[in-house]
Amino acid sequence: MLETVGDLGANQCRYNAKDDKGCGLDTIKIIENPEGGYLGVYHSNVNQTLEVRLANSTDLLHWTFIRTIDQEATQPTITKAPNNAYITAYEKQEASGTHHLRFQYYLHLSDFINNSPDATYDANRTLSSYHEGTPNIYNVTIKGSTLSTCIGFHYYNGSVDNAAVGLLTIPLDNPQNMIWNNTKPLTQYNQDLRDKYQVKGNIGDRDYGQIFGRNFTLQEGNLEERSPDTNWTAWRTFLYDHSTNNFAMLNIKTHKGSTSFGNPTFTFLKSPNGKDCIVVTYFLFSEGAKSGEAGQLIFYKEFETEPFNLTYEDKPYFINVTSNSTITGFDFNETCISFNVSGLNASKGFCIIEIPKELVQNIWQSNYTVLLKGKQWPFENWTYEENTYIYVNYIHPTNKLLIITEFPSFLILPLVFLLTLSVATIRRRKGATK
């Protein structure tokens, strides 16, 4: 979902993306507009001045400029709060060449569109005397009359940038009295990138989000030392899974083979076609980009989600299967869920099965396994709120996937044979009564 761009058509990806004024959509963060379409905050170099800008879009790829949010500013992000307010955060430049975080709070969407913030707050640097910036927003919660949001950012420690977090508190009855505190380095997070993944230079921009109830962060890092200057060919993007506390370095594949990527963002939303999708953005540094690919990259991938209803012990349930495969032959026989997955021969396939956790407990006592091609198959699973998610990947063409109670491996093949035989017998008997 996050790596492969080269197989997408021009209706799903755009290199060197610019707004309708010809200004770069650099580091754009995209969210849905509740009034239709999408909103994006980004920065551009306009007449030798870096400014944070706002634009809208109907197709995720082409953007119409609305207004300038701030000048001498970069690296913006945005989120919609539970009370329908909007919070922006970005990196504000100072005359001395240093940077700090600036936050804006808009009570209504109309305020945001028309440039009327209810409050603006400049955060004092607490971890660095020089630079703090590249904010991202982890979450927003409201308790009583107080809004709290966890903010990620980077700070310069005198030699390299590292990742950190802080807490922004906004009194809803008086937003001007924002409080910025509890800042701290993400010590283990930074150390894992440096020790396990050989990130020697800056650990900079990042973005956080949730996909199917699972939390992820996209993080940029430079494999080469910063001193004396940044090596712009060595930026890579890492995926951090908050459920396992592990990183994986992405192998991003563009149409022509660019290699250096920074400022990652992703958002799970509805596509222009009304389907679930993930929109991803990377900035491609010219030093590592192939011809025509340097600048801001935007692409999105849609998901096909098929709902299936079943009844267990006289109670109805719904199971959703999200996949890039064609799903056929869905079946439930009170001990097993099965269906066929098919696709282009030798292509990569995946599916995510969303099952009510009550059903998982009732059928399998939460003890189950996945079979593919008649044998046990590796899978990942997690629970979020009222649902259990099972993720499986494989290689096409057609395979039969089963979820059954977990048994010792030496019993699996006989059980599959008996299950297949019983299903065939039932169907034969049904046929004899016609």
Foldseek 3Di string as FASTA:
>chain_A
DFAEAQVDDPLFKDFQADAPVRWFQALWEWDADPVAFIKIWFWGQDPNKIFIFIWTDLFQRYTHTQGTQGIQWGQKYKDQAPQRKIKMKTWHADPVRAIWIKMFIGNHPVCVSVNNTLEIDTDDDDQEPGYKGQKEWAHWDDDDQKIKTKIKIWYDNPFAIAIKIWMWMARNVRRHPIDIDPIDTPVVLRVCCCPVVQQAHYWGHKYWDDDPQWIKMKTKGFNDGCPPHGDQQGIWIWIATPVVRDIDTHNHQHNVRFRGWDSKYKDFDAGSVRFTKIKIKIAGDPVRDDPPRHGIMIGMDGWDKDKDWDDDPNRIWIKIKIKPFDWDDFDDDLFKTKIKTADDAFDKMKIKIKGFVVSCCVRAVVAKFKDKPQATFDWDWDDHDGIIIIMHMDGDHMIMMMIGGDDPRVCRNVVVVVVVVVVVVVVVVVVVVD
